[in-house]
Amino acid sequence: MELLVISLDDAHDRRRRLEDSLAPHNLRYHWVKAVDARGWSQDELASHCDVRALFYNLSYDPIPGSIGCYLSHLRAFQHLIDSPHQAAIILEDDAELTSEFAAHLPALEQAANNIDVIFLCDRRPKRSSVIVGTTSSGLSLCFKKYANIGANGYVIHRTAAAKILADYHKFGLEIDTLLNRWWVTGLNVATTSPELVTHVDMGSHIGYDNIVKKRSFLQKGAHGVMNLKHSVLKRARFSRHARQMKQALQKATS
């Protein structure tokens, strides 16, 4: 697998901190220049994504930073597809690696042949989950009830990256939400237990710290209906998808 690290050019402190976290593992990595959309006009934003879909899927107006973050991950996906590798580890620059990170990478590479996305960080540890199997290195892979969140550290197979690249305009979701919504993408997703990457709260370069919710009554209602739809779908499909995940992991580790 290739190790890709997403970071803005001007995020010097964050890059240095992550380099320090990577150093003990003696791994080669490639910096992916993040897309800086913070100064983009509405027309520029609309040319890269379905702003209307984002507007109704989010509880706040779409912000340029989140769209730039989405495009940055797509840039990393394209890098993977253009490479000879079958899978890649993708890290954001607020990731912190545990001491066991490198030891599990060969087993994760094997599991990635049948699990499309493997999250290395658990941002919702209190949410119950189902263990769908164990990697050859003894790492448990869990299927969260009913979804995790976050994209600061994960493994993705090239076929999954190609699917997101082909369809990203229609989703209308931010990347850290979209990748976890298996009932939307149709991807097999799992989370490692214990986690191999933790999230370091260094403040948001995306702009989440200053979000102001601006919704009319109609817009709030439309967003509520969308949330209800997703809630029903993920609960209705959970058990069947959990079985599929177990079967996929058995194939990956057999």
C-alpha atoms as a PDB file:
ATOM      1  CA  MET A   1       0.000   0.000   0.000  1.00  0.00           C
ATOM      2  CA  GLU A   2       0.987   3.593  -0.517  1.00  0.00           C
ATOM      3  CA  LEU A   3       0.782   6.055   2.350  1.00  0.00           C
ATOM      4  CA  LEU A   4      -0.739   9.402   1.311  1.00  0.00           C
ATOM      5  CA  VAL A   5      -0.887  12.414   3.614  1.00  0.00           C
ATOM      6  CA  ILE A   6      -3.227  15.341   2.850  1.00  0.00           C
ATOM      7  CA  SER A   7      -2.196  18.788   4.023  1.00  0.00           C
ATOM      8  CA  LEU A   8      -2.432  22.430   2.999  1.00  0.00           C
ATOM      9  CA  ASP A   9       0.807  24.056   1.896  1.00  0.00           C
ATOM     10  CA  ASP A  10       0.613  26.640   4.681  1.00  0.00           C
ATOM     11  CA  ALA A  11      -0.138  24.120   7.487  1.00  0.00           C
ATOM     12  CA  HIS A  12       3.487  24.066   8.643  1.00  0.00           C
ATOM     13  CA  ASP A  13       2.901  23.229  12.322  1.00  0.00           C
ATOM     14  CA  ARG A  14       0.469  20.446  11.495  1.00  0.00           C
ATOM     15  CA  ARG A  15       2.824  18.913   8.935  1.00  0.00           C
ATOM     16  CA  ARG A  16       5.764  18.968  11.339  1.00  0.00           C
ATOM     17  CA  ARG A  17       3.694  17.337  14.073  1.00  0.00           C
ATOM     18  CA  LEU A  18       2.540  14.559  11.742  1.00  0.00           C
ATOM     19  CA  GLU A  19       6.079  14.004  10.471  1.00  0.00           C
ATOM     20  CA  ASP A  20       7.117  13.451  14.098  1.00  0.00           C
ATOM     21  CA  SER A  21       4.295  10.922  14.478  1.00  0.00           C
ATOM     22  CA  LEU A  22       5.330   9.072  11.312  1.00  0.00           C
ATOM     23  CA  ALA A  23       9.070   9.036  12.045  1.00  0.00           C
ATOM     24  CA  PRO A  24       9.186   6.066  14.507  1.00  0.00           C
ATOM     25  CA  HIS A  25       7.500   3.806  11.943  1.00  0.00           C
ATOM     26  CA  ASN A  26      10.134   4.326   9.204  1.00  0.00           C
ATOM     27  CA  LEU A  27       7.482   4.482   6.482  1.00  0.00           C
ATOM     28  CA  ARG A  28       7.718   6.183   3.118  1.00  0.00           C
ATOM     29  CA  TYR A  29       4.871   8.603   2.482  1.00  0.00           C
ATOM     30  CA  HIS A  30       3.720  11.017  -0.165  1.00  0.00           C
ATOM     31  CA  TRP A  31       2.326  14.482   0.578  1.00  0.00           C
ATOM     32  CA  VAL A  32      -0.902  15.270  -1.255  1.00  0.00           C
ATOM     33  CA  LYS A  33      -1.372  19.015  -1.667  1.00  0.00           C
ATOM     34  CA  ALA A  34      -4.783  19.858  -0.227  1.00  0.00           C
ATOM     35  CA  VAL A  35      -7.197  21.896  -2.326  1.00  0.00           C
ATOM     36  CA  ASP A  36      -7.521  25.335  -0.738  1.00  0.00           C
ATOM     37  CA  ALA A  37     -11.054  26.510  -1.539  1.00  0.00           C
ATOM     38  CA  ARG A  38     -11.311  29.038   1.274  1.00  0.00           C
ATOM     39  CA  GLY A  39     -11.364  32.014  -1.099  1.00  0.00           C
ATOM     40  CA  TRP A  40     -13.499  30.521  -3.841  1.00  0.00           C
ATOM     41  CA  SER A  41     -16.615  32.223  -5.129  1.00  0.00           C
ATOM     42  CA  GLN A  42     -20.006  30.482  -5.138  1.00  0.00           C
ATOM     43  CA  ASP A  43     -19.659  29.918  -8.881  1.00  0.00           C
ATOM     44  CA  GLU A  44     -16.283  28.219  -8.388  1.00  0.00           C
ATOM     45  CA  LEU A  45     -17.694  26.006  -5.637  1.00  0.00           C
ATOM     46  CA  ALA A  46     -20.716  25.079  -7.734  1.00  0.00           C
ATOM     47  CA  SER A  47     -18.463  24.009 -10.608  1.00  0.00           C
ATOM     48  CA  HIS A  48     -16.920  21.289  -8.438  1.00  0.00           C
ATOM     49  CA  CYS A  49     -19.870  19.870  -6.523  1.00  0.00           C
ATOM     50  CA  ASP A  50     -23.642  19.865  -6.176  1.00  0.00           C
ATOM     51  CA  VAL A  51     -23.974  22.786  -3.772  1.00  0.00           C
ATOM     52  CA  ARG A  52     -27.760  22.407  -3.720  1.00  0.00           C
ATOM     53  CA  ALA A  53     -27.498  18.778  -2.607  1.00  0.00           C
ATOM     54  CA  LEU A  54     -24.992  19.750   0.084  1.00  0.00           C
ATOM     55  CA  PHE A  55     -27.305  22.493   1.255  1.00  0.00           C
ATOM     56  CA  TYR A  56     -30.154  20.080   1.964  1.00  0.00           C
ATOM     57  CA  ASN A  57     -27.971  17.317   3.393  1.00  0.00           C
ATOM     58  CA  LEU A  58     -26.221  19.604   5.887  1.00  0.00           C
ATOM     59  CA  SER A  59     -27.637  21.477   8.855  1.00  0.00           C
ATOM     60  CA  TYR A  60     -25.658  24.565   7.809  1.00  0.00           C
ATOM     61  CA  ASP A  61     -24.757  26.329   4.603  1.00  0.00           C
ATOM     62  CA  PRO A  62     -21.944  24.561   2.707  1.00  0.00           C
ATOM     63  CA  ILE A  63     -18.570  26.106   3.514  1.00  0.00           C
ATOM     64  CA  PRO A  64     -15.672  26.386   1.058  1.00  0.00           C
ATOM     65  CA  GLY A  65     -13.288  24.566   3.388  1.00  0.00           C
ATOM     66  CA  SER A  66     -15.405  21.412   3.467  1.00  0.00           C
ATOM     67  CA  ILE A  67     -15.612  21.358  -0.319  1.00  0.00           C
ATOM     68  CA  GLY A  68     -11.847  21.840  -0.525  1.00  0.00           C
ATOM     69  CA  CYS A  69     -11.421  18.932   1.896  1.00  0.00           C
ATOM     70  CA  TYR A  70     -13.658  16.739  -0.277  1.00  0.00           C
ATOM     71  CA  LEU A  71     -11.676  17.630  -3.395  1.00  0.00           C
ATOM     72  CA  SER A  72      -8.417  16.960  -1.555  1.00  0.00           C
ATOM     73  CA  HIS A  73      -9.475  13.388  -0.821  1.00  0.00           C
ATOM     74  CA  LEU A  74     -10.557  12.979  -4.444  1.00  0.00           C
ATOM     75  CA  ARG A  75      -7.067  14.143  -5.440  1.00  0.00           C
ATOM     76  CA  ALA A  76      -5.615  11.405  -3.220  1.00  0.00           C
ATOM     77  CA  PHE A  77      -7.992   8.860  -4.803  1.00  0.00           C
ATOM     78  CA  GLN A  78      -6.808   9.854  -8.253  1.00  0.00           C
ATOM     79  CA  HIS A  79      -3.198   9.483  -7.119  1.00  0.00           C
ATOM     80  CA  LEU A  80      -3.988   5.923  -6.020  1.00  0.00           C
ATOM     81  CA  ILE A  81      -5.725   5.076  -9.297  1.00  0.00           C
ATOM     82  CA  ASP A  82      -2.775   6.437 -11.281  1.00  0.00           C
ATOM     83  CA  SER A  83      -0.363   4.305  -9.241  1.00  0.00           C
ATOM     84  CA  PRO A  84       0.347   0.543  -9.443  1.00  0.00           C
ATOM     85  CA  HIS A  85      -0.970   0.023  -5.898  1.00  0.00           C
ATOM     86  CA  GLN A  86      -4.201  -1.795  -5.090  1.00  0.00           C
ATOM     87  CA  ALA A  87      -4.890   0.207  -1.920  1.00  0.00           C
ATOM     88  CA  ALA A  88      -3.678   3.259  -0.053  1.00  0.00           C
ATOM     89  CA  ILE A  89      -3.592   4.550   3.491  1.00  0.00           C
ATOM     90  CA  ILE A  90      -4.872   8.124   3.556  1.00  0.00           C
ATOM     91  CA  LEU A  91      -4.145  10.411   6.488  1.00  0.00           C
ATOM     92  CA  GLU A  92      -5.183  13.974   7.194  1.00  0.00           C
ATOM     93  CA  ASP A  93      -2.679  16.164   8.994  1.00  0.00           C
ATOM     94  CA  ASP A  94      -4.576  16.001  12.301  1.00  0.00           C
ATOM     95  CA  ALA A  95      -3.881  12.264  12.584  1.00  0.00           C
ATOM     96  CA  GLU A  96      -1.724  10.752  15.320  1.00  0.00           C
ATOM     97  CA  LEU A  97      -0.372   7.216  14.837  1.00  0.00           C
ATOM     98  CA  THR A  98      -0.356   4.662  17.639  1.00  0.00           C
ATOM     99  CA  SER A  99       2.734   2.586  18.383  1.00  0.00           C
ATOM    100  CA  GLU A 100       1.105  -0.468  16.724  1.00  0.00           C
ATOM    101  CA  PHE A 101       0.315   1.288  13.437  1.00  0.00           C
ATOM    102  CA  ALA A 102       3.014  -0.190  11.196  1.00  0.00           C
ATOM    103  CA  ALA A 103       2.751  -3.700  12.634  1.00  0.00           C
ATOM    104  CA  HIS A 104      -0.766  -4.193  11.256  1.00  0.00           C
ATOM    105  CA  LEU A 105      -0.255  -2.766   7.752  1.00  0.00           C
ATOM    106  CA  PRO A 106       0.457  -6.087   5.941  1.00  0.00           C
ATOM    107  CA  ALA A 107      -2.726  -7.597   7.404  1.00  0.00           C
ATOM    108  CA  LEU A 108      -4.752  -4.509   6.534  1.00  0.00           C
ATOM    109  CA  GLU A 109      -3.464  -4.665   2.968  1.00  0.00           C
ATOM    110  CA  GLN A 110      -4.749  -8.229   2.758  1.00  0.00           C
ATOM    111  CA  ALA A 111      -8.129  -7.301   4.266  1.00  0.00           C
ATOM    112  CA  ALA A 112      -8.482  -4.365   1.853  1.00  0.00           C
ATOM    113  CA  ASN A 113      -8.887  -6.835  -1.006  1.00  0.00           C
ATOM    114  CA  ASN A 114     -12.445  -7.483   0.208  1.00  0.00           C
ATOM    115  CA  ILE A 115     -13.221  -4.554   2.532  1.00  0.00           C
ATOM    116  CA  ASP A 116     -13.492  -1.333   0.520  1.00  0.00           C
ATOM    117  CA  VAL A 117     -12.734   1.159   3.294  1.00  0.00           C
ATOM    118  CA  ILE A 118     -11.135   0.395   6.666  1.00  0.00           C
ATOM    119  CA  PHE A 119     -11.204   3.259   9.138  1.00  0.00           C
ATOM    120  CA  LEU A 120      -8.196   3.390  11.430  1.00  0.00           C
ATOM    121  CA  CYS A 121      -9.734   5.916  13.821  1.00  0.00           C
ATOM    122  CA  ASP A 122     -12.932   5.488  15.849  1.00  0.00           C
ATOM    123  CA  ARG A 123     -14.532   8.909  16.310  1.00  0.00           C
ATOM    124  CA  ARG A 124     -17.639   7.373  17.886  1.00  0.00           C
ATOM    125  CA  PRO A 125     -16.256   4.844  20.395  1.00  0.00           C
ATOM    126  CA  LYS A 126     -19.451   4.814  22.470  1.00  0.00           C
ATOM    127  CA  ARG A 127     -21.585   3.761  19.518  1.00  0.00           C
ATOM    128  CA  SER A 128     -22.174   0.014  19.624  1.00  0.00           C
ATOM    129  CA  SER A 129     -20.693  -2.170  16.931  1.00  0.00           C
ATOM    130  CA  VAL A 130     -20.525  -5.707  15.604  1.00  0.00           C
ATOM    131  CA  ILE A 131     -17.186  -7.481  15.203  1.00  0.00           C
ATOM    132  CA  VAL A 132     -17.201  -8.867  11.673  1.00  0.00           C
ATOM    133  CA  GLY A 133     -13.856 -10.628  11.898  1.00  0.00           C
ATOM    134  CA  THR A 134     -10.189 -10.494  12.767  1.00  0.00           C
ATOM    135  CA  THR A 135      -7.201  -9.761  10.551  1.00  0.00           C
ATOM    136  CA  SER A 136      -4.232 -12.097  10.320  1.00  0.00           C
ATOM    137  CA  SER A 137      -2.404  -9.797  12.758  1.00  0.00           C
ATOM    138  CA  GLY A 138      -5.138 -10.133  15.391  1.00  0.00           C
ATOM    139  CA  LEU A 139      -6.780  -6.760  14.772  1.00  0.00           C
ATOM    140  CA  SER A 140     -10.571  -6.747  15.133  1.00  0.00           C
ATOM    141  CA  LEU A 141     -12.641  -5.150  12.378  1.00  0.00           C
ATOM    142  CA  CYS A 142     -15.959  -3.739  13.527  1.00  0.00           C
ATOM    143  CA  PHE A 143     -19.112  -2.619  11.778  1.00  0.00           C
ATOM    144  CA  LYS A 144     -20.498   0.418  13.604  1.00  0.00           C
ATOM    145  CA  LYS A 145     -24.148   0.766  14.564  1.00  0.00           C
ATOM    146  CA  TYR A 146     -25.062   2.543  12.532  1.00  0.00           C
ATOM    147  CA  ALA A 147     -22.261   4.715  11.187  1.00  0.00           C
ATOM    148  CA  ASN A 148     -18.941   6.184  12.196  1.00  0.00           C
ATOM    149  CA  ILE A 149     -17.733   9.623  11.136  1.00  0.00           C
ATOM    150  CA  GLY A 150     -14.409  11.139  10.167  1.00  0.00           C
ATOM    151  CA  ALA A 151     -11.803  10.633   7.459  1.00  0.00           C
ATOM    152  CA  ASN A 152      -8.540  11.484   9.190  1.00  0.00           C
ATOM    153  CA  GLY A 153      -7.144   7.974   8.780  1.00  0.00           C
ATOM    154  CA  TYR A 154      -8.342   5.082   6.610  1.00  0.00           C
ATOM    155  CA  VAL A 155      -7.376   2.421   4.069  1.00  0.00           C
ATOM    156  CA  ILE A 156      -9.207   2.480   0.727  1.00  0.00           C
ATOM    157  CA  HIS A 157      -9.077   0.024  -2.161  1.00  0.00           C
ATOM    158  CA  ARG A 158      -8.598   1.414  -5.662  1.00  0.00           C
ATOM    159  CA  THR A 159     -12.033   0.150  -6.830  1.00  0.00           C
ATOM    160  CA  ALA A 160     -13.742   2.057  -4.018  1.00  0.00           C
ATOM    161  CA  ALA A 161     -11.716   5.176  -4.845  1.00  0.00           C
ATOM    162  CA  ALA A 162     -12.761   4.891  -8.485  1.00  0.00           C
ATOM    163  CA  LYS A 163     -16.420   4.530  -7.523  1.00  0.00           C
ATOM    164  CA  ILE A 164     -16.401   7.660  -5.355  1.00  0.00           C
ATOM    165  CA  LEU A 165     -14.585   9.600  -8.071  1.00  0.00           C
ATOM    166  CA  ALA A 166     -17.140   8.562 -10.674  1.00  0.00           C
ATOM    167  CA  ASP A 167     -20.190   9.386  -8.548  1.00  0.00           C
ATOM    168  CA  TYR A 168     -19.124  12.165  -6.196  1.00  0.00           C
ATOM    169  CA  HIS A 169     -21.302  14.850  -7.790  1.00  0.00           C
ATOM    170  CA  LYS A 170     -24.530  13.032  -6.947  1.00  0.00           C
ATOM    171  CA  PHE A 171     -23.892  12.367  -3.262  1.00  0.00           C
ATOM    172  CA  GLY A 172     -24.143  15.856  -1.752  1.00  0.00           C
ATOM    173  CA  LEU A 173     -22.284  14.851   1.406  1.00  0.00           C
ATOM    174  CA  GLU A 174     -18.993  15.885   2.972  1.00  0.00           C
ATOM    175  CA  ILE A 175     -16.216  13.335   2.617  1.00  0.00           C
ATOM    176  CA  ASP A 176     -15.981  12.360   6.296  1.00  0.00           C
ATOM    177  CA  THR A 177     -19.704  11.579   6.280  1.00  0.00           C
ATOM    178  CA  LEU A 178     -19.948  10.049   2.816  1.00  0.00           C
ATOM    179  CA  LEU A 179     -17.225   7.429   3.280  1.00  0.00           C
ATOM    180  CA  ASN A 180     -18.969   6.136   6.398  1.00  0.00           C
ATOM    181  CA  ARG A 181     -22.440   5.946   4.834  1.00  0.00           C
ATOM    182  CA  TRP A 182     -22.266   2.437   3.438  1.00  0.00           C
ATOM    183  CA  TRP A 183     -26.011   2.438   2.700  1.00  0.00           C
ATOM    184  CA  VAL A 184     -25.447   5.392   0.318  1.00  0.00           C
ATOM    185  CA  THR A 185     -22.243   4.311  -1.429  1.00  0.00           C
ATOM    186  CA  GLY A 186     -22.775   0.546  -1.403  1.00  0.00           C
ATOM    187  CA  LEU A 187     -19.234   0.070  -0.073  1.00  0.00           C
ATOM    188  CA  ASN A 188     -18.120  -2.398   2.593  1.00  0.00           C
ATOM    189  CA  VAL A 189     -16.684  -0.336   5.456  1.00  0.00           C
ATOM    190  CA  ALA A 190     -15.162  -1.388   8.767  1.00  0.00           C
ATOM    191  CA  THR A 191     -13.377   0.222  11.706  1.00  0.00           C
ATOM    192  CA  THR A 192     -10.316  -1.211  13.454  1.00  0.00           C
ATOM    193  CA  SER A 193     -10.433  -2.115  17.126  1.00  0.00           C
ATOM    194  CA  PRO A 194      -8.300  -0.942  18.737  1.00  0.00           C
ATOM    195  CA  GLU A 195      -7.870   2.165  16.624  1.00  0.00           C
ATOM    196  CA  LEU A 196      -4.486   2.700  14.970  1.00  0.00           C
ATOM    197  CA  VAL A 197      -4.956   6.427  14.382  1.00  0.00           C
ATOM    198  CA  THR A 198      -6.255   9.012  16.814  1.00  0.00           C
ATOM    199  CA  HIS A 199      -7.587  12.494  16.123  1.00  0.00           C
ATOM    200  CA  VAL A 200      -5.613  15.482  17.399  1.00  0.00           C
ATOM    201  CA  ASP A 201      -7.800  18.518  18.011  1.00  0.00           C
ATOM    202  CA  MET A 202      -5.755  21.342  16.500  1.00  0.00           C
ATOM    203  CA  GLY A 203      -8.683  23.496  15.455  1.00  0.00           C
ATOM    204  CA  SER A 204     -10.367  23.331  12.080  1.00  0.00           C
ATOM    205  CA  HIS A 205      -8.694  24.548   8.900  1.00  0.00           C
ATOM    206  CA  ILE A 206     -11.976  23.805   7.147  1.00  0.00           C
ATOM    207  CA  GLY A 207     -14.018  26.380   9.033  1.00  0.00           C
ATOM    208  CA  TYR A 208     -16.162  24.207  11.289  1.00  0.00           C
ATOM    209  CA  ASP A 209     -15.207  26.268  14.340  1.00  0.00           C
ATOM    210  CA  ASN A 210     -17.151  29.249  12.990  1.00  0.00           C
ATOM    211  CA  ILE A 211     -20.220  27.606  11.458  1.00  0.00           C
ATOM    212  CA  VAL A 212     -23.440  29.574  11.712  1.00  0.00           C
ATOM    213  CA  LYS A 213     -26.627  27.641  11.040  1.00  0.00           C
ATOM    214  CA  LYS A 214     -28.879  29.569   8.684  1.00  0.00           C
ATOM    215  CA  ARG A 215     -32.104  27.735   7.923  1.00  0.00           C
ATOM    216  CA  SER A 216     -35.621  28.730   7.072  1.00  0.00           C
ATOM    217  CA  PHE A 217     -38.490  26.615   8.415  1.00  0.00           C
ATOM    218  CA  LEU A 218     -38.828  24.934   5.008  1.00  0.00           C
ATOM    219  CA  GLN A 219     -35.118  24.140   4.806  1.00  0.00           C
ATOM    220  CA  LYS A 220     -35.083  22.687   8.332  1.00  0.00           C
ATOM    221  CA  GLY A 221     -38.038  20.512   7.405  1.00  0.00           C
ATOM    222  CA  ALA A 222     -36.358  19.260   4.218  1.00  0.00           C
ATOM    223  CA  HIS A 223     -33.183  18.448   6.174  1.00  0.00           C
ATOM    224  CA  GLY A 224     -35.234  16.583   8.787  1.00  0.00           C
ATOM    225  CA  VAL A 225     -36.911  14.472   6.111  1.00  0.00           C
ATOM    226  CA  MET A 226     -33.501  13.662   4.615  1.00  0.00           C
ATOM    227  CA  ASN A 227     -32.176  12.572   8.017  1.00  0.00           C
ATOM    228  CA  LEU A 228     -35.237  10.387   8.601  1.00  0.00           C
ATOM    229  CA  LYS A 229     -34.749   8.738   5.211  1.00  0.00           C
ATOM    230  CA  HIS A 230     -31.124   7.904   6.013  1.00  0.00           C
ATOM    231  CA  SER A 231     -32.054   6.639   9.478  1.00  0.00           C
ATOM    232  CA  VAL A 232     -34.652   4.243   8.080  1.00  0.00           C
ATOM    233  CA  LEU A 233     -32.371   2.967   5.308  1.00  0.00           C
ATOM    234  CA  LYS A 234     -29.369   2.228   7.512  1.00  0.00           C
ATOM    235  CA  ARG A 235     -31.450   0.407  10.123  1.00  0.00           C
ATOM    236  CA  ALA A 236     -33.344  -1.628   7.546  1.00  0.00           C
ATOM    237  CA  ARG A 237     -30.149  -2.748   5.816  1.00  0.00           C
ATOM    238  CA  PHE A 238     -27.828  -3.138   8.803  1.00  0.00           C
ATOM    239  CA  SER A 239     -28.196  -6.862   9.580  1.00  0.00           C
ATOM    240  CA  ARG A 240     -27.891  -7.967   5.964  1.00  0.00           C
ATOM    241  CA  HIS A 241     -24.880  -5.751   5.377  1.00  0.00           C
ATOM    242  CA  ALA A 242     -23.214  -7.025   8.561  1.00  0.00           C
ATOM    243  CA  ARG A 243     -23.518 -10.591   7.224  1.00  0.00           C
ATOM    244  CA  GLN A 244     -22.033  -9.493   3.910  1.00  0.00           C
ATOM    245  CA  MET A 245     -19.141  -7.884   5.761  1.00  0.00           C
ATOM    246  CA  LYS A 246     -18.391 -11.066   7.683  1.00  0.00           C
ATOM    247  CA  GLN A 247     -18.397 -13.094   4.464  1.00  0.00           C
ATOM    248  CA  ALA A 248     -16.131 -10.536   2.759  1.00  0.00           C
ATOM    249  CA  LEU A 249     -13.628 -10.593   5.615  1.00  0.00           C
ATOM    250  CA  GLN A 250     -13.578 -14.398   5.664  1.00  0.00           C
ATOM    251  CA  LYS A 251     -12.604 -14.305   1.979  1.00  0.00           C
ATOM    252  CA  ALA A 252      -9.962 -11.669   2.646  1.00  0.00           C
ATOM    253  CA  THR A 253      -8.269 -13.623   5.430  1.00  0.00           C
ATOM    254  CA  SER A 254      -8.692 -17.186   4.092  1.00  0.00           C
END
